[in-house]
Amino acid sequence: MKHTNTYTEDGYEVYGGELVESIPAKRSLSTMLTSHAGSLMLQDAMLHAANDHCRAMLAQAALEHTGSLAVMTTRLSSIAPQGRKYYEEVLKAYAEKAAMSVERW
């Protein structure tokens, strides 16, 4: 086995090898969310998702109720035709207010 002298005249040891650059830290979702800005982004996204869900539920309920009232208007009109004008007015009033609520949301 051959031993090579790795010491210089100054007494310092000389090391050989290749230079390897360190890998930069990866930005992961968990790292981002632990920061204040990441936390605010998550809160904002959750707020938008909840808002969208509520808007969809409101629209769905308005459509379902308007449809039910329309069916009821038709049914009542066949049973008591003299009230048709009033049934249709009630349906129209409900539908307009429901549409305005969905629009405002």
PDB file of N, CA and C in Angstrom:
ATOM      1  N   MET A   1       0.851  -1.166   0.000  1.00  0.00           N
ATOM      2  CA  MET A   1       0.000   0.000   0.000  1.00  0.00           C
ATOM      3  C   MET A   1       0.893   1.223   0.000  1.00  0.00           C
ATOM      4  N   LYS A   2       0.610   2.110  -0.867  1.00  0.00           N
ATOM      5  CA  LYS A   2       1.434   3.300  -1.019  1.00  0.00           C
ATOM      6  C   LYS A   2       0.794   4.452  -0.272  1.00  0.00           C
ATOM      7  N   HIS A   3       1.535   5.105   0.581  1.00  0.00           N
ATOM      8  CA  HIS A   3       1.032   6.231   1.352  1.00  0.00           C
ATOM      9  C   HIS A   3       1.614   7.513   0.770  1.00  0.00           C
ATOM     10  N   THR A   4       0.716   8.462   0.459  1.00  0.00           N
ATOM     11  CA  THR A   4       1.201   9.722  -0.096  1.00  0.00           C
ATOM     12  C   THR A   4       1.138  10.783   0.986  1.00  0.00           C
ATOM     13  N   ASN A   5       2.071  11.673   0.932  1.00  0.00           N
ATOM     14  CA  ASN A   5       2.135  12.765   1.889  1.00  0.00           C
ATOM     15  C   ASN A   5       1.152  13.854   1.450  1.00  0.00           C
ATOM     16  N   THR A   6       0.200  14.176   2.316  1.00  0.00           N
ATOM     17  CA  THR A   6      -0.779  15.195   1.990  1.00  0.00           C
ATOM     18  C   THR A   6      -0.519  16.495   2.725  1.00  0.00           C
ATOM     19  N   TYR A   7       0.653  16.599   3.354  1.00  0.00           N
ATOM     20  CA  TYR A   7       0.983  17.814   4.102  1.00  0.00           C
ATOM     21  C   TYR A   7       1.828  18.739   3.243  1.00  0.00           C
ATOM     22  N   THR A   8       1.615  20.034   3.370  1.00  0.00           N
ATOM     23  CA  THR A   8       2.416  21.029   2.659  1.00  0.00           C
ATOM     24  C   THR A   8       3.572  21.439   3.544  1.00  0.00           C
ATOM     25  N   GLU A   9       4.397  22.303   3.030  1.00  0.00           N
ATOM     26  CA  GLU A   9       5.546  22.791   3.793  1.00  0.00           C
ATOM     27  C   GLU A   9       5.111  23.582   5.018  1.00  0.00           C
ATOM     28  N   ASP A  10       3.909  24.204   4.969  1.00  0.00           N
ATOM     29  CA  ASP A  10       3.421  24.994   6.091  1.00  0.00           C
ATOM     30  C   ASP A  10       2.861  24.119   7.208  1.00  0.00           C
ATOM     31  N   GLY A  11       2.693  22.842   6.937  1.00  0.00           N
ATOM     32  CA  GLY A  11       2.148  21.955   7.944  1.00  0.00           C
ATOM     33  C   GLY A  11       0.648  21.751   7.825  1.00  0.00           C
ATOM     34  N   TYR A  12       0.047  22.363   6.822  1.00  0.00           N
ATOM     35  CA  TYR A  12      -1.392  22.178   6.615  1.00  0.00           C
ATOM     36  C   TYR A  12      -1.626  20.963   5.728  1.00  0.00           C
ATOM     37  N   GLU A  13      -2.673  20.255   6.014  1.00  0.00           N
ATOM     38  CA  GLU A  13      -2.991  19.078   5.216  1.00  0.00           C
ATOM     39  C   GLU A  13      -3.779  19.506   3.983  1.00  0.00           C
ATOM     40  N   VAL A  14      -3.489  18.898   2.877  1.00  0.00           N
ATOM     41  CA  VAL A  14      -4.160  19.198   1.621  1.00  0.00           C
ATOM     42  C   VAL A  14      -5.136  18.061   1.324  1.00  0.00           C
ATOM     43  N   TYR A  15      -6.347  18.447   1.028  1.00  0.00           N
ATOM     44  CA  TYR A  15      -7.365  17.452   0.689  1.00  0.00           C
ATOM     45  C   TYR A  15      -7.694  17.567  -0.780  1.00  0.00           C
ATOM     46  N   GLY A  16      -7.956  16.476  -1.412  1.00  0.00           N
ATOM     47  CA  GLY A  16      -8.333  16.464  -2.816  1.00  0.00           C
ATOM     48  C   GLY A  16      -9.777  16.000  -2.948  1.00  0.00           C
ATOM     49  N   GLY A  17     -10.356  16.284  -4.048  1.00  0.00           N
ATOM     50  CA  GLY A  17     -11.729  15.847  -4.292  1.00  0.00           C
ATOM     51  C   GLY A  17     -12.419  16.826  -5.206  1.00  0.00           C
ATOM     52  N   GLU A  18     -13.684  16.579  -5.415  1.00  0.00           N
ATOM     53  CA  GLU A  18     -14.421  17.481  -6.293  1.00  0.00           C
ATOM     54  C   GLU A  18     -15.385  18.335  -5.465  1.00  0.00           C
ATOM     55  N   LEU A  19     -15.639  19.497  -5.987  1.00  0.00           N
ATOM     56  CA  LEU A  19     -16.538  20.439  -5.318  1.00  0.00           C
ATOM     57  C   LEU A  19     -17.968  20.110  -5.704  1.00  0.00           C
ATOM     58  N   VAL A  20     -18.805  19.922  -4.708  1.00  0.00           N
ATOM     59  CA  VAL A  20     -20.210  19.610  -4.950  1.00  0.00           C
ATOM     60  C   VAL A  20     -21.029  20.757  -4.390  1.00  0.00           C
ATOM     61  N   GLU A  21     -21.878  21.327  -5.264  1.00  0.00           N
ATOM     62  CA  GLU A  21     -22.724  22.431  -4.808  1.00  0.00           C
ATOM     63  C   GLU A  21     -23.891  21.874  -4.003  1.00  0.00           C
ATOM     64  N   SER A  22     -24.264  22.621  -2.988  1.00  0.00           N
ATOM     65  CA  SER A  22     -25.387  22.168  -2.177  1.00  0.00           C
ATOM     66  C   SER A  22     -26.691  22.371  -2.949  1.00  0.00           C
ATOM     67  N   ILE A  23     -27.633  21.529  -2.668  1.00  0.00           N
ATOM     68  CA  ILE A  23     -28.933  21.594  -3.332  1.00  0.00           C
ATOM     69  C   ILE A  23     -29.768  22.651  -2.615  1.00  0.00           C
ATOM     70  N   PRO A  24     -30.346  23.590  -3.356  1.00  0.00           N
ATOM     71  CA  PRO A  24     -31.169  24.605  -2.702  1.00  0.00           C
ATOM     72  C   PRO A  24     -32.416  23.956  -2.072  1.00  0.00           C
ATOM     73  N   ALA A  25     -32.867  24.548  -0.995  1.00  0.00           N
ATOM     74  CA  ALA A  25     -34.051  24.025  -0.315  1.00  0.00           C
ATOM     75  C   ALA A  25     -35.252  24.115  -1.233  1.00  0.00           C
ATOM     76  N   LYS A  26     -36.013  23.033  -1.271  1.00  0.00           N
ATOM     77  CA  LYS A  26     -37.206  23.025  -2.115  1.00  0.00           C
ATOM     78  C   LYS A  26     -38.336  23.739  -1.398  1.00  0.00           C
ATOM     79  N   ARG A  27     -39.112  24.468  -2.178  1.00  0.00           N
ATOM     80  CA  ARG A  27     -40.283  25.144  -1.618  1.00  0.00           C
ATOM     81  C   ARG A  27     -41.467  24.211  -1.757  1.00  0.00           C
ATOM     82  N   SER A  28     -41.835  23.605  -0.682  1.00  0.00           N
ATOM     83  CA  SER A  28     -42.973  22.699  -0.718  1.00  0.00           C
ATOM     84  C   SER A  28     -44.204  23.415  -0.178  1.00  0.00           C
ATOM     85  N   LEU A  29     -45.332  22.786  -0.378  1.00  0.00           N
ATOM     86  CA  LEU A  29     -46.586  23.365   0.102  1.00  0.00           C
ATOM     87  C   LEU A  29     -46.549  23.505   1.616  1.00  0.00           C
ATOM     88  N   SER A  30     -46.035  22.487   2.293  1.00  0.00           N
ATOM     89  CA  SER A  30     -45.997  22.563   3.762  1.00  0.00           C
ATOM     90  C   SER A  30     -45.072  23.682   4.240  1.00  0.00           C
ATOM     91  N   THR A  31     -43.968  23.900   3.534  1.00  0.00           N
ATOM     92  CA  THR A  31     -43.064  24.996   3.903  1.00  0.00           C
ATOM     93  C   THR A  31     -43.747  26.335   3.694  1.00  0.00           C
ATOM     94  N   MET A  32     -44.464  26.453   2.554  1.00  0.00           N
ATOM     95  CA  MET A  32     -45.159  27.706   2.261  1.00  0.00           C
ATOM     96  C   MET A  32     -46.247  27.994   3.291  1.00  0.00           C
ATOM     97  N   LEU A  33     -46.971  26.956   3.703  1.00  0.00           N
ATOM     98  CA  LEU A  33     -48.098  27.157   4.605  1.00  0.00           C
ATOM     99  C   LEU A  33     -47.662  27.485   6.026  1.00  0.00           C
ATOM    100  N   THR A  34     -46.432  27.159   6.376  1.00  0.00           N
ATOM    101  CA  THR A  34     -45.970  27.491   7.713  1.00  0.00           C
ATOM    102  C   THR A  34     -45.592  28.966   7.820  1.00  0.00           C
ATOM    103  N   SER A  35     -45.404  29.615   6.674  1.00  0.00           N
ATOM    104  CA  SER A  35     -45.099  31.042   6.718  1.00  0.00           C
ATOM    105  C   SER A  35     -46.389  31.822   6.914  1.00  0.00           C
ATOM    106  N   HIS A  36     -46.258  33.056   7.329  1.00  0.00           N
ATOM    107  CA  HIS A  36     -47.431  33.913   7.551  1.00  0.00           C
ATOM    108  C   HIS A  36     -48.169  34.168   6.237  1.00  0.00           C
ATOM    109  N   ALA A  37     -47.408  34.452   5.182  1.00  0.00           N
ATOM    110  CA  ALA A  37     -48.026  34.714   3.876  1.00  0.00           C
ATOM    111  C   ALA A  37     -48.744  33.470   3.369  1.00  0.00           C
ATOM    112  N   GLY A  38     -48.138  32.312   3.556  1.00  0.00           N
ATOM    113  CA  GLY A  38     -48.760  31.064   3.129  1.00  0.00           C
ATOM    114  C   GLY A  38     -50.038  30.790   3.896  1.00  0.00           C
ATOM    115  N   SER A  39     -50.018  31.098   5.172  1.00  0.00           N
ATOM    116  CA  SER A  39     -51.206  30.911   6.001  1.00  0.00           C
ATOM    117  C   SER A  39     -52.337  31.821   5.539  1.00  0.00           C
ATOM    118  N   LEU A  40     -51.995  33.053   5.209  1.00  0.00           N
ATOM    119  CA  LEU A  40     -53.007  33.991   4.708  1.00  0.00           C
ATOM    120  C   LEU A  40     -53.565  33.537   3.367  1.00  0.00           C
ATOM    121  N   MET A  41     -52.690  32.987   2.505  1.00  0.00           N
ATOM    122  CA  MET A  41     -53.145  32.480   1.216  1.00  0.00           C
ATOM    123  C   MET A  41     -54.127  31.325   1.409  1.00  0.00           C
ATOM    124  N   LEU A  42     -53.819  30.428   2.335  1.00  0.00           N
ATOM    125  CA  LEU A  42     -54.699  29.295   2.604  1.00  0.00           C
ATOM    126  C   LEU A  42     -56.043  29.769   3.146  1.00  0.00           C
ATOM    127  N   GLN A  43     -56.023  30.719   4.061  1.00  0.00           N
ATOM    128  CA  GLN A  43     -57.266  31.259   4.609  1.00  0.00           C
ATOM    129  C   GLN A  43     -58.108  31.915   3.515  1.00  0.00           C
ATOM    130  N   ASP A  44     -57.454  32.654   2.633  1.00  0.00           N
ATOM    131  CA  ASP A  44     -58.153  33.321   1.533  1.00  0.00           C
ATOM    132  C   ASP A  44     -58.772  32.288   0.593  1.00  0.00           C
ATOM    133  N   ALA A  45     -58.039  31.237   0.278  1.00  0.00           N
ATOM    134  CA  ALA A  45     -58.560  30.190  -0.608  1.00  0.00           C
ATOM    135  C   ALA A  45     -59.756  29.488   0.028  1.00  0.00           C
ATOM    136  N   MET A  46     -59.666  29.223   1.323  1.00  0.00           N
ATOM    137  CA  MET A  46     -60.774  28.569   2.020  1.00  0.00           C
ATOM    138  C   MET A  46     -62.006  29.474   2.053  1.00  0.00           C
ATOM    139  N   LEU A  47     -61.803  30.760   2.231  1.00  0.00           N
ATOM    140  CA  LEU A  47     -62.910  31.713   2.246  1.00  0.00           C
ATOM    141  C   LEU A  47     -63.599  31.766   0.886  1.00  0.00           C
ATOM    142  N   HIS A  48     -62.794  31.793  -0.192  1.00  0.00           N
ATOM    143  CA  HIS A  48     -63.365  31.819  -1.541  1.00  0.00           C
ATOM    144  C   HIS A  48     -64.135  30.532  -1.832  1.00  0.00           C
ATOM    145  N   ALA A  49     -63.596  29.399  -1.396  1.00  0.00           N
ATOM    146  CA  ALA A  49     -64.274  28.118  -1.625  1.00  0.00           C
ATOM    147  C   ALA A  49     -65.605  28.070  -0.871  1.00  0.00           C
ATOM    148  N   ALA A  50     -65.615  28.528   0.370  1.00  0.00           N
ATOM    149  CA  ALA A  50     -66.845  28.536   1.163  1.00  0.00           C
ATOM    150  C   ALA A  50     -67.873  29.487   0.552  1.00  0.00           C
ATOM    151  N   ASN A  51     -67.406  30.639   0.089  1.00  0.00           N
ATOM    152  CA  ASN A  51     -68.284  31.621  -0.546  1.00  0.00           C
ATOM    153  C   ASN A  51     -68.923  31.020  -1.800  1.00  0.00           C
ATOM    154  N   ASP A  52     -68.118  30.342  -2.609  1.00  0.00           N
ATOM    155  CA  ASP A  52     -68.625  29.724  -3.837  1.00  0.00           C
ATOM    156  C   ASP A  52     -69.637  28.627  -3.506  1.00  0.00           C
ATOM    157  N   HIS A  53     -69.343  27.848  -2.474  1.00  0.00           N
ATOM    158  CA  HIS A  53     -70.255  26.777  -2.064  1.00  0.00           C
ATOM    159  C   HIS A  53     -71.605  27.355  -1.625  1.00  0.00           C
ATOM    160  N   CYS A  54     -71.573  28.421  -0.850  1.00  0.00           N
ATOM    161  CA  CYS A  54     -72.814  29.062  -0.394  1.00  0.00           C
ATOM    162  C   CYS A  54     -73.611  29.630  -1.556  1.00  0.00           C
ATOM    163  N   ARG A  55     -72.907  30.241  -2.498  1.00  0.00           N
ATOM    164  CA  ARG A  55     -73.579  30.807  -3.672  1.00  0.00           C
ATOM    165  C   ARG A  55     -74.269  29.698  -4.472  1.00  0.00           C
ATOM    166  N   ALA A  56     -73.587  28.570  -4.639  1.00  0.00           N
ATOM    167  CA  ALA A  56     -74.171  27.439  -5.371  1.00  0.00           C
ATOM    168  C   ALA A  56     -75.380  26.868  -4.636  1.00  0.00           C
ATOM    169  N   MET A  57     -75.284  26.782  -3.309  1.00  0.00           N
ATOM    170  CA  MET A  57     -76.414  26.268  -2.530  1.00  0.00           C
ATOM    171  C   MET A  57     -77.615  27.202  -2.630  1.00  0.00           C
ATOM    172  N   LEU A  58     -77.369  28.513  -2.592  1.00  0.00           N
ATOM    173  CA  LEU A  58     -78.444  29.492  -2.717  1.00  0.00           C
ATOM    174  C   LEU A  58     -79.114  29.386  -4.088  1.00  0.00           C
ATOM    175  N   ALA A  59     -78.305  29.269  -5.131  1.00  0.00           N
ATOM    176  CA  ALA A  59     -78.852  29.154  -6.485  1.00  0.00           C
ATOM    177  C   ALA A  59     -79.649  27.856  -6.636  1.00  0.00           C
ATOM    178  N   GLN A  60     -79.105  26.774  -6.101  1.00  0.00           N
ATOM    179  CA  GLN A  60     -79.795  25.486  -6.180  1.00  0.00           C
ATOM    180  C   GLN A  60     -81.147  25.553  -5.466  1.00  0.00           C
ATOM    181  N   ALA A  61     -81.164  26.123  -4.272  1.00  0.00           N
ATOM    182  CA  ALA A  61     -82.421  26.237  -3.514  1.00  0.00           C
ATOM    183  C   ALA A  61     -83.419  27.114  -4.253  1.00  0.00           C
ATOM    184  N   ALA A  62     -82.945  28.216  -4.829  1.00  0.00           N
ATOM    185  CA  ALA A  62     -83.845  29.111  -5.570  1.00  0.00           C
ATOM    186  C   ALA A  62     -84.462  28.393  -6.766  1.00  0.00           C
ATOM    187  N   LEU A  63     -83.663  27.609  -7.489  1.00  0.00           N
ATOM    188  CA  LEU A  63     -84.183  26.867  -8.636  1.00  0.00           C
ATOM    189  C   LEU A  63     -85.192  25.798  -8.202  1.00  0.00           C
ATOM    190  N   GLU A  64     -84.837  25.075  -7.148  1.00  0.00           N
ATOM    191  CA  GLU A  64     -85.736  24.022  -6.664  1.00  0.00           C
ATOM    192  C   GLU A  64     -87.068  24.596  -6.193  1.00  0.00           C
ATOM    193  N   HIS A  65     -87.005  25.682  -5.431  1.00  0.00           N
ATOM    194  CA  HIS A  65     -88.231  26.281  -4.908  1.00  0.00           C
ATOM    195  C   HIS A  65     -89.081  26.909  -6.012  1.00  0.00           C
ATOM    196  N   THR A  66     -88.402  27.545  -6.963  1.00  0.00           N
ATOM    197  CA  THR A  66     -89.140  28.129  -8.089  1.00  0.00           C
ATOM    198  C   THR A  66     -89.815  27.030  -8.896  1.00  0.00           C
ATOM    199  N   GLY A  67     -89.102  25.920  -9.117  1.00  0.00           N
ATOM    200  CA  GLY A  67     -89.688  24.786  -9.836  1.00  0.00           C
ATOM    201  C   GLY A  67     -90.882  24.202  -9.096  1.00  0.00           C
ATOM    202  N   SER A  68     -90.753  24.055  -7.778  1.00  0.00           N
ATOM    203  CA  SER A  68     -91.865  23.528  -6.977  1.00  0.00           C
ATOM    204  C   SER A  68     -93.076  24.454  -7.047  1.00  0.00           C
ATOM    205  N   LEU A  69     -92.822  25.748  -6.952  1.00  0.00           N
ATOM    206  CA  LEU A  69     -93.923  26.712  -7.032  1.00  0.00           C
ATOM    207  C   LEU A  69     -94.571  26.711  -8.415  1.00  0.00           C
ATOM    208  N   ALA A  70     -93.761  26.506  -9.457  1.00  0.00           N
ATOM    209  CA  ALA A  70     -94.310  26.455 -10.816  1.00  0.00           C
ATOM    210  C   ALA A  70     -95.217  25.230 -10.978  1.00  0.00           C
ATOM    211  N   VAL A  71     -94.773  24.098 -10.445  1.00  0.00           N
ATOM    212  CA  VAL A  71     -95.603  22.879 -10.490  1.00  0.00           C
ATOM    213  C   VAL A  71     -96.887  23.103  -9.703  1.00  0.00           C
ATOM    214  N   MET A  72     -96.750  23.714  -8.532  1.00  0.00           N
ATOM    215  CA  MET A  72     -97.926  23.983  -7.699  1.00  0.00           C
ATOM    216  C   MET A  72     -98.871  24.965  -8.394  1.00  0.00           C
ATOM    217  N   THR A  73     -98.326  25.957  -9.071  1.00  0.00           N
ATOM    218  CA  THR A  73     -99.151  26.928  -9.811  1.00  0.00           C
ATOM    219  C   THR A  73     -99.968  26.215 -10.883  1.00  0.00           C
ATOM    220  N   THR A  74     -99.322  25.319 -11.615  1.00  0.00           N
ATOM    221  CA  THR A  74    -100.016  24.568 -12.662  1.00  0.00           C
ATOM    222  C   THR A  74    -101.112  23.685 -12.062  1.00  0.00           C
ATOM    223  N   ARG A  75    -100.767  23.001 -10.978  1.00  0.00           N
ATOM    224  CA  ARG A  75    -101.728  22.114 -10.330  1.00  0.00           C
ATOM    225  C   ARG A  75    -102.939  22.889  -9.795  1.00  0.00           C
ATOM    226  N   LEU A  76    -102.641  23.981  -9.091  1.00  0.00           N
ATOM    227  CA  LEU A  76    -103.739  24.778  -8.528  1.00  0.00           C
ATOM    228  C   LEU A  76    -104.590  25.419  -9.627  1.00  0.00           C
ATOM    229  N   SER A  77    -103.940  25.790 -10.724  1.00  0.00           N
ATOM    230  CA  SER A  77    -104.691  26.395 -11.843  1.00  0.00           C
ATOM    231  C   SER A  77    -105.677  25.406 -12.442  1.00  0.00           C
ATOM    232  N   SER A  78    -105.320  24.115 -12.428  1.00  0.00           N
ATOM    233  CA  SER A  78    -106.255  23.123 -12.969  1.00  0.00           C
ATOM    234  C   SER A  78    -107.379  22.831 -11.968  1.00  0.00           C
ATOM    235  N   ILE A  79    -107.084  22.971 -10.678  1.00  0.00           N
ATOM    236  CA  ILE A  79    -108.106  22.727  -9.647  1.00  0.00           C
ATOM    237  C   ILE A  79    -109.025  23.939  -9.496  1.00  0.00           C
ATOM    238  N   ALA A  80    -108.422  25.117  -9.390  1.00  0.00           N
ATOM    239  CA  ALA A  80    -109.190  26.360  -9.193  1.00  0.00           C
ATOM    240  C   ALA A  80    -108.705  27.395 -10.196  1.00  0.00           C
ATOM    241  N   PRO A  81    -109.183  27.338 -11.431  1.00  0.00           N
ATOM    242  CA  PRO A  81    -108.707  28.225 -12.494  1.00  0.00           C
ATOM    243  C   PRO A  81    -108.916  29.709 -12.217  1.00  0.00           C
ATOM    244  N   GLN A  82    -109.883  30.077 -11.388  1.00  0.00           N
ATOM    245  CA  GLN A  82    -110.131  31.488 -11.101  1.00  0.00           C
ATOM    246  C   GLN A  82    -108.967  32.136 -10.337  1.00  0.00           C
ATOM    247  N   GLY A  83    -108.100  31.340  -9.708  1.00  0.00           N
ATOM    248  CA  GLY A  83    -106.964  31.902  -8.969  1.00  0.00           C
ATOM    249  C   GLY A  83    -105.669  31.927  -9.766  1.00  0.00           C
ATOM    250  N   ARG A  84    -105.725  31.496 -11.030  1.00  0.00           N
ATOM    251  CA  ARG A  84    -104.505  31.398 -11.851  1.00  0.00           C
ATOM    252  C   ARG A  84    -103.689  32.681 -11.854  1.00  0.00           C
ATOM    253  N   LYS A  85    -104.351  33.804 -12.019  1.00  0.00           N
ATOM    254  CA  LYS A  85    -103.655  35.097 -12.078  1.00  0.00           C
ATOM    255  C   LYS A  85    -102.854  35.330 -10.786  1.00  0.00           C
ATOM    256  N   TYR A  86    -103.431  35.009  -9.658  1.00  0.00           N
ATOM    257  CA  TYR A  86    -102.761  35.230  -8.370  1.00  0.00           C
ATOM    258  C   TYR A  86    -101.617  34.232  -8.145  1.00  0.00           C
ATOM    259  N   TYR A  87    -101.838  32.975  -8.549  1.00  0.00           N
ATOM    260  CA  TYR A  87    -100.767  31.977  -8.418  1.00  0.00           C
ATOM    261  C   TYR A  87     -99.549  32.408  -9.228  1.00  0.00           C
ATOM    262  N   GLU A  88     -99.812  32.875 -10.435  1.00  0.00           N
ATOM    263  CA  GLU A  88     -98.708  33.294 -11.305  1.00  0.00           C
ATOM    264  C   GLU A  88     -98.009  34.534 -10.769  1.00  0.00           C
ATOM    265  N   GLU A  89     -98.763  35.434 -10.154  1.00  0.00           N
ATOM    266  CA  GLU A  89     -98.153  36.625  -9.554  1.00  0.00           C
ATOM    267  C   GLU A  89     -97.232  36.244  -8.390  1.00  0.00           C
ATOM    268  N   VAL A  90     -97.695  35.299  -7.563  1.00  0.00           N
ATOM    269  CA  VAL A  90     -96.880  34.821  -6.435  1.00  0.00           C
ATOM    270  C   VAL A  90     -95.610  34.162  -6.958  1.00  0.00           C
ATOM    271  N   LEU A  91     -95.761  33.317  -7.963  1.00  0.00           N
ATOM    272  CA  LEU A  91     -94.601  32.646  -8.565  1.00  0.00           C
ATOM    273  C   LEU A  91     -93.611  33.661  -9.131  1.00  0.00           C
ATOM    274  N   LYS A  92     -94.135  34.643  -9.850  1.00  0.00           N
ATOM    275  CA  LYS A  92     -93.273  35.665 -10.451  1.00  0.00           C
ATOM    276  C   LYS A  92     -92.541  36.466  -9.371  1.00  0.00           C
ATOM    277  N   ALA A  93     -93.276  36.864  -8.318  1.00  0.00           N
ATOM    278  CA  ALA A  93     -92.669  37.646  -7.239  1.00  0.00           C
ATOM    279  C   ALA A  93     -91.559  36.849  -6.552  1.00  0.00           C
ATOM    280  N   TYR A  94     -91.844  35.573  -6.277  1.00  0.00           N
ATOM    281  CA  TYR A  94     -90.820  34.735  -5.631  1.00  0.00           C
ATOM    282  C   TYR A  94     -89.600  34.591  -6.532  1.00  0.00           C
ATOM    283  N   ALA A  95     -89.834  34.263  -7.792  1.00  0.00           N
ATOM    284  CA  ALA A  95     -88.730  34.036  -8.726  1.00  0.00           C
ATOM    285  C   ALA A  95     -87.862  35.284  -8.891  1.00  0.00           C
ATOM    286  N   GLU A  96     -88.487  36.447  -8.960  1.00  0.00           N
ATOM    287  CA  GLU A  96     -87.717  37.690  -9.105  1.00  0.00           C
ATOM    288  C   GLU A  96     -86.857  37.959  -7.872  1.00  0.00           C
ATOM    289  N   LYS A  97     -87.440  37.787  -6.680  1.00  0.00           N
ATOM    290  CA  LYS A  97     -86.672  38.025  -5.442  1.00  0.00           C
ATOM    291  C   LYS A  97     -85.547  37.004  -5.287  1.00  0.00           C
ATOM    292  N   ALA A  98     -85.829  35.753  -5.648  1.00  0.00           N
ATOM    293  CA  ALA A  98     -84.803  34.700  -5.560  1.00  0.00           C
ATOM    294  C   ALA A  98     -83.648  35.021  -6.508  1.00  0.00           C
ATOM    295  N   ALA A  99     -83.979  35.453  -7.722  1.00  0.00           N
ATOM    296  CA  ALA A  99     -82.938  35.810  -8.694  1.00  0.00           C
ATOM    297  C   ALA A  99     -82.108  36.987  -8.199  1.00  0.00           C
ATOM    298  N   MET A 100     -82.761  37.962  -7.584  1.00  0.00           N
ATOM    299  CA  MET A 100     -82.022  39.126  -7.036  1.00  0.00           C
ATOM    300  C   MET A 100     -81.100  38.695  -5.905  1.00  0.00           C
ATOM    301  N   SER A 101     -81.537  37.777  -5.070  1.00  0.00           N
ATOM    302  CA  SER A 101     -80.689  37.281  -3.974  1.00  0.00           C
ATOM    303  C   SER A 101     -79.448  36.581  -4.517  1.00  0.00           C
ATOM    304  N   VAL A 102     -79.627  35.754  -5.530  1.00  0.00           N
ATOM    305  CA  VAL A 102     -78.479  35.062  -6.134  1.00  0.00           C
ATOM    306  C   VAL A 102     -77.540  36.069  -6.777  1.00  0.00           C
ATOM    307  N   GLU A 103     -78.104  37.066  -7.448  1.00  0.00           N
ATOM    308  CA  GLU A 103     -77.288  38.103  -8.084  1.00  0.00           C
ATOM    309  C   GLU A 103     -76.482  38.892  -7.064  1.00  0.00           C
ATOM    310  N   ARG A 104     -77.129  39.273  -5.951  1.00  0.00           N
ATOM    311  CA  ARG A 104     -76.450  40.059  -4.909  1.00  0.00           C
ATOM    312  C   ARG A 104     -75.339  39.274  -4.245  1.00  0.00           C
ATOM    313  N   TRP A 105     -75.520  37.990  -4.077  1.00  0.00           N
ATOM    314  CA  TRP A 105     -74.540  37.180  -3.364  1.00  0.00           C
ATOM    315  C   TRP A 105     -73.248  37.199  -4.151  1.00  0.00           C
TER     316      TRP A 105
END
